[in-house]
Protein backbone atom coordinates (compact mmCIF):
# COMPACT_ATOMS: atom_id res chain seq x y z
CA MET A 1 0.00 0.00 0.00
CA HIS A 2 1.09 3.50 -0.69
CA ARG A 3 1.11 5.84 2.30
CA LEU A 4 2.02 9.45 2.76
CA ASP A 5 4.85 10.35 5.05
CA ASN A 6 2.39 10.51 7.94
CA GLY A 7 1.21 6.91 7.20
CA THR A 8 -2.16 7.60 5.47
CA LEU A 9 -3.16 6.14 2.07
CA THR A 10 -3.54 8.36 -0.95
CA ILE A 11 -6.96 8.01 -2.59
CA PRO A 12 -5.78 7.23 -6.16
CA LYS A 13 -3.29 4.65 -4.90
CA ALA A 14 -5.88 3.07 -2.60
CA LEU A 15 -8.43 2.88 -5.44
CA SER A 16 -5.84 1.30 -7.71
CA TRP A 17 -4.98 -1.31 -5.10
CA TYR A 18 -8.67 -1.97 -4.37
CA THR A 19 -9.63 -2.42 -8.05
CA SER A 20 -6.75 -4.82 -8.66
CA TRP A 21 -7.80 -6.80 -5.56
CA LEU A 22 -11.43 -6.91 -6.80
CA SER A 23 -10.26 -8.04 -10.24
CA ALA A 24 -8.24 -10.87 -8.69
CA CYS A 25 -11.26 -11.94 -6.59
CA TYR A 26 -13.49 -11.89 -9.67
CA ASP A 27 -11.01 -14.01 -11.65
CA LEU A 28 -10.87 -16.52 -8.81
CA ALA A 29 -14.68 -16.68 -8.59
CA VAL A 30 -14.97 -17.27 -12.36
CA LEU A 31 -12.33 -19.99 -12.20
CA VAL A 32 -14.13 -21.78 -9.35
CA TYR A 33 -17.49 -21.49 -11.15
CA PHE A 34 -16.25 -22.96 -14.43
CA ARG A 35 -14.40 -25.78 -12.73
CA SER A 36 -17.70 -26.79 -11.13
CA MET A 37 -19.30 -26.91 -14.62
CA LYS A 38 -17.33 -29.98 -15.76
CA ALA A 39 -19.20 -32.73 -17.57
CA ALA A 40 -20.31 -35.88 -15.79
CA SER A 41 -18.52 -39.16 -16.42
CA VAL A 42 -19.97 -41.80 -18.73
CA GLN A 43 -20.81 -43.97 -15.73
CA GLU A 44 -22.74 -41.13 -14.07
CA ILE A 45 -24.62 -40.43 -17.30
CA ARG A 46 -25.48 -44.14 -17.69
CA GLN A 47 -26.81 -44.29 -14.14
CA GLU A 48 -28.90 -41.15 -14.65
CA LEU A 49 -30.34 -42.50 -17.92
CA LYS A 50 -31.41 -45.71 -16.16
CA GLU A 51 -33.55 -43.62 -13.84
CA LYS A 52 -35.35 -41.77 -16.67
CA SER A 53 -38.72 -42.85 -18.06
CA LYS A 54 -39.22 -43.83 -21.70
CA ASP A 55 -40.78 -40.46 -22.58
CA GLU A 56 -37.93 -38.58 -20.92
CA LEU A 57 -35.37 -40.65 -22.88
CA ILE A 58 -37.17 -39.87 -26.15
CA ALA A 59 -37.14 -36.17 -25.30
CA ILE A 60 -33.41 -36.32 -24.49
CA CYS A 61 -32.64 -38.06 -27.81
CA GLN A 62 -34.69 -35.50 -29.75
CA ARG A 63 -32.91 -32.66 -28.03
CA LEU A 64 -29.53 -34.23 -28.78
CA ALA A 65 -30.51 -34.54 -32.44
CA ARG A 66 -31.39 -30.84 -32.60
CA PHE A 67 -28.27 -29.77 -30.75
CA LYS A 68 -25.56 -30.90 -33.17
CA LYS A 69 -25.44 -32.36 -36.68
CA GLU A 70 -23.13 -35.23 -35.66
CA ASN A 71 -25.54 -36.27 -32.90
CA LYS A 72 -28.35 -36.40 -35.45
CA GLU A 73 -26.22 -38.45 -37.85
CA LEU A 74 -25.24 -40.87 -35.08
CA LEU A 75 -28.88 -41.31 -34.04
CA ASP A 76 -29.76 -41.87 -37.71
CA TYR A 77 -27.14 -44.60 -37.93
CA LEU A 78 -28.21 -46.26 -34.67
CA LEU A 79 -31.92 -46.20 -35.50
CA PHE A 80 -31.97 -46.88 -39.23
CA ASN A 81 -28.63 -48.30 -40.44
CA SER A 82 -26.99 -50.28 -37.64
CA HIS A 83 -29.05 -53.40 -38.39
CA ASP A 84 -27.55 -53.65 -41.92
CA GLU A 85 -23.90 -52.71 -41.66
CA ASP A 86 -23.05 -54.01 -45.15
CA GLN A 87 -25.56 -51.64 -46.75
CA TYR A 88 -24.22 -48.78 -44.65
CA ILE A 89 -20.65 -49.53 -45.79
CA ARG A 90 -21.84 -49.55 -49.43
CA GLU A 91 -23.45 -46.13 -48.94
CA VAL A 92 -20.27 -44.73 -47.41
CA LYS A 93 -18.23 -46.13 -50.31
CA GLU A 94 -20.62 -44.47 -52.77
CA GLU A 95 -20.11 -41.14 -50.99
CA ILE A 96 -16.34 -41.62 -51.21
CA ASP A 97 -16.68 -42.37 -54.94
CA GLU A 98 -18.68 -39.17 -55.44
CA GLY A 99 -15.98 -37.20 -53.63
CA PHE A 100 -13.24 -38.65 -55.83
CA GLN A 101 -15.27 -37.92 -58.96
CA SER A 102 -15.44 -34.25 -57.97
CA LEU A 103 -11.72 -34.15 -57.10
CA ASN A 104 -9.91 -31.22 -58.74
CA THR A 105 -6.57 -32.66 -59.87
CA SER A 106 -5.41 -29.49 -61.62
CA SER A 107 -3.98 -28.22 -58.34
CA THR A 108 -2.27 -30.34 -55.72
CA PHE A 109 -3.36 -27.85 -53.05
CA LEU A 110 -7.06 -28.21 -53.94
CA ALA A 111 -6.72 -31.97 -54.25
CA LYS A 112 -5.17 -32.18 -50.76
CA LYS A 113 -8.04 -30.21 -49.28
CA THR A 114 -10.64 -32.45 -50.92
CA LEU A 115 -8.80 -35.64 -49.95
CA ARG A 116 -8.59 -34.55 -46.32
CA LYS A 117 -12.27 -33.62 -46.33
CA MET A 118 -13.24 -37.06 -47.69
CA LEU A 119 -11.00 -38.70 -45.10
CA ARG A 120 -12.66 -36.70 -42.29
CA ILE A 121 -16.07 -37.77 -43.54
CA SER A 122 -14.95 -41.40 -43.81
CA ASN A 123 -13.56 -41.34 -40.26
CA LYS A 124 -16.78 -39.83 -38.97
CA TYR A 125 -18.81 -42.67 -40.49
CA ILE A 126 -16.32 -45.20 -39.13
CA ARG A 127 -16.76 -43.74 -35.63
CA TYR A 128 -20.52 -44.19 -35.92
CA THR A 129 -20.19 -47.91 -36.63
CA GLY A 130 -17.54 -48.64 -34.00
CA SER A 131 -16.62 -51.69 -36.08
CA LYS A 132 -13.06 -52.59 -37.03
CA THR A 133 -14.35 -54.52 -40.04
CA ALA A 134 -16.19 -51.44 -41.31
CA GLU A 135 -13.09 -49.33 -40.63
CA ALA A 136 -10.87 -51.65 -42.67
CA GLU A 137 -13.33 -51.87 -45.57
CA ILE A 138 -14.02 -48.14 -45.77
CA LEU A 139 -10.36 -47.14 -45.50
CA MET A 140 -9.30 -49.77 -48.05
CA HIS A 141 -11.87 -48.40 -50.47
CA TYR A 142 -10.55 -44.88 -49.80
CA LEU A 143 -6.99 -46.06 -50.52
CA LYS A 144 -8.05 -47.83 -53.74
CA ARG A 145 -9.47 -44.57 -55.02
CA PHE A 146 -6.54 -42.58 -53.59
CA THR A 147 -3.88 -44.63 -55.40
CA ALA A 148 -5.82 -44.37 -58.67
CA ILE A 149 -5.88 -40.54 -58.77
CA ASP A 150 -3.89 -38.71 -61.39
CA LEU A 151 -1.59 -36.84 -59.01
CA PRO A 152 2.08 -37.23 -58.10
CA TRP A 153 1.07 -38.22 -54.58
CA LYS A 154 4.21 -40.29 -54.00
CA LYS A 155 6.30 -37.14 -54.46
CA THR A 156 4.10 -34.87 -52.35
CA LYS A 157 4.99 -35.25 -48.69
CA VAL A 158 1.51 -34.46 -47.32
CA LEU A 159 -0.27 -36.85 -49.68
CA LYS A 160 2.26 -39.59 -49.04
CA ASN A 161 1.78 -39.13 -45.28
CA ILE A 162 -1.99 -39.42 -45.71
CA TYR A 163 -1.46 -42.67 -47.62
CA LEU A 164 0.94 -44.12 -45.02
CA ALA A 165 -1.29 -43.11 -42.10
CA GLN A 166 -4.27 -44.90 -43.66
CA VAL A 167 -2.21 -48.04 -44.31
CA LYS A 168 -1.21 -47.97 -40.64
CA LYS A 169 -4.83 -47.54 -39.48
CA ILE A 170 -5.97 -50.41 -41.71
CA ASN A 171 -3.24 -52.67 -40.30
CA GLN A 172 -4.26 -51.76 -36.74
CA ALA A 173 -7.91 -52.55 -37.54
CA ILE A 174 -6.96 -55.88 -39.11
CA GLU A 175 -4.88 -56.83 -36.05
CA THR A 176 -8.03 -56.84 -33.90
CA MET A 177 -9.91 -59.29 -36.17
CA HIS A 178 -10.11 -63.08 -36.04
CA GLU A 179 -7.18 -64.85 -37.74
CA GLU A 180 -9.21 -66.26 -40.64
CA VAL A 181 -10.71 -62.85 -41.40
CA GLN A 182 -7.30 -61.21 -41.01
CA TYR A 183 -5.92 -63.30 -43.85
CA ASP A 184 -8.63 -62.15 -46.28
CA TYR A 185 -8.23 -58.49 -45.37
CA ARG A 186 -4.42 -58.68 -45.58
CA ARG A 187 -4.67 -60.12 -49.09
CA GLU A 188 -7.04 -57.32 -50.05
CA LEU A 189 -4.65 -54.74 -48.57
CA GLU A 190 -1.67 -56.20 -50.45
CA LYS A 191 -3.54 -55.61 -53.72
CA ILE A 192 -3.90 -51.93 -52.82
CA LEU A 193 -0.37 -51.29 -51.54
CA VAL A 194 1.83 -49.44 -53.96
CA VAL A 195 5.47 -50.36 -54.30
CA GLU A 196 7.65 -47.27 -54.15
C-alpha cells in the first residue's frame, strides 16, 4: 500500500490497489465457477439414464438430435442403419466415390483439401459404426481410389503421409480381427499397396 509520510493512504493509490484486488477476486470466482461446470462421467450419465422414463429418454434423444449435426447423424445410424452394416458400408463407399469424382486434380493444393475432407467424412462414419471390419473396408476403399488418382502423390509429402497413415490404421484394424478374417483383409490390402 502507498502511504504518505504521515502513514495515510492516498486516494488514487488506494483505489488502484482496491480495483486490482477486486479483479483478482473476480477471476478466482470465475475460475471456481467454471471448474464446477465440468461434464459428468460416462458412468454417471449411464446411471442417470437408467432412472429416466421412456418419454424422458425420447425427449433427451430428440434434443440431442437438434443440438448438433453429428448427434443427429449418429442417431440416424443407430436407428436406421446399424441393423444392416453391409448396406451402410456400401453407402459410405458411394459417398467416397462421389468425392473422388469431384476431385480437382489441376492443383495439388485443392486436391489435398478435398482428400482430407473425404477422409474426415470417412472417419466420422467409421466412428458411428464402431466396427473394425467397417473401418478396414471403408479405409481400403478410400486407398483404392486414392492410389488411382492422377496426381504425383508419392512425391508430395503431405499426400504420401496421408497414404501411409491410412495403411497404418488399416493394419491396426486388421490386427483386432479373427485370424481367418485377417488373412482375407491382408490379401485385399496387399492388392492396394503401392510399391515405391
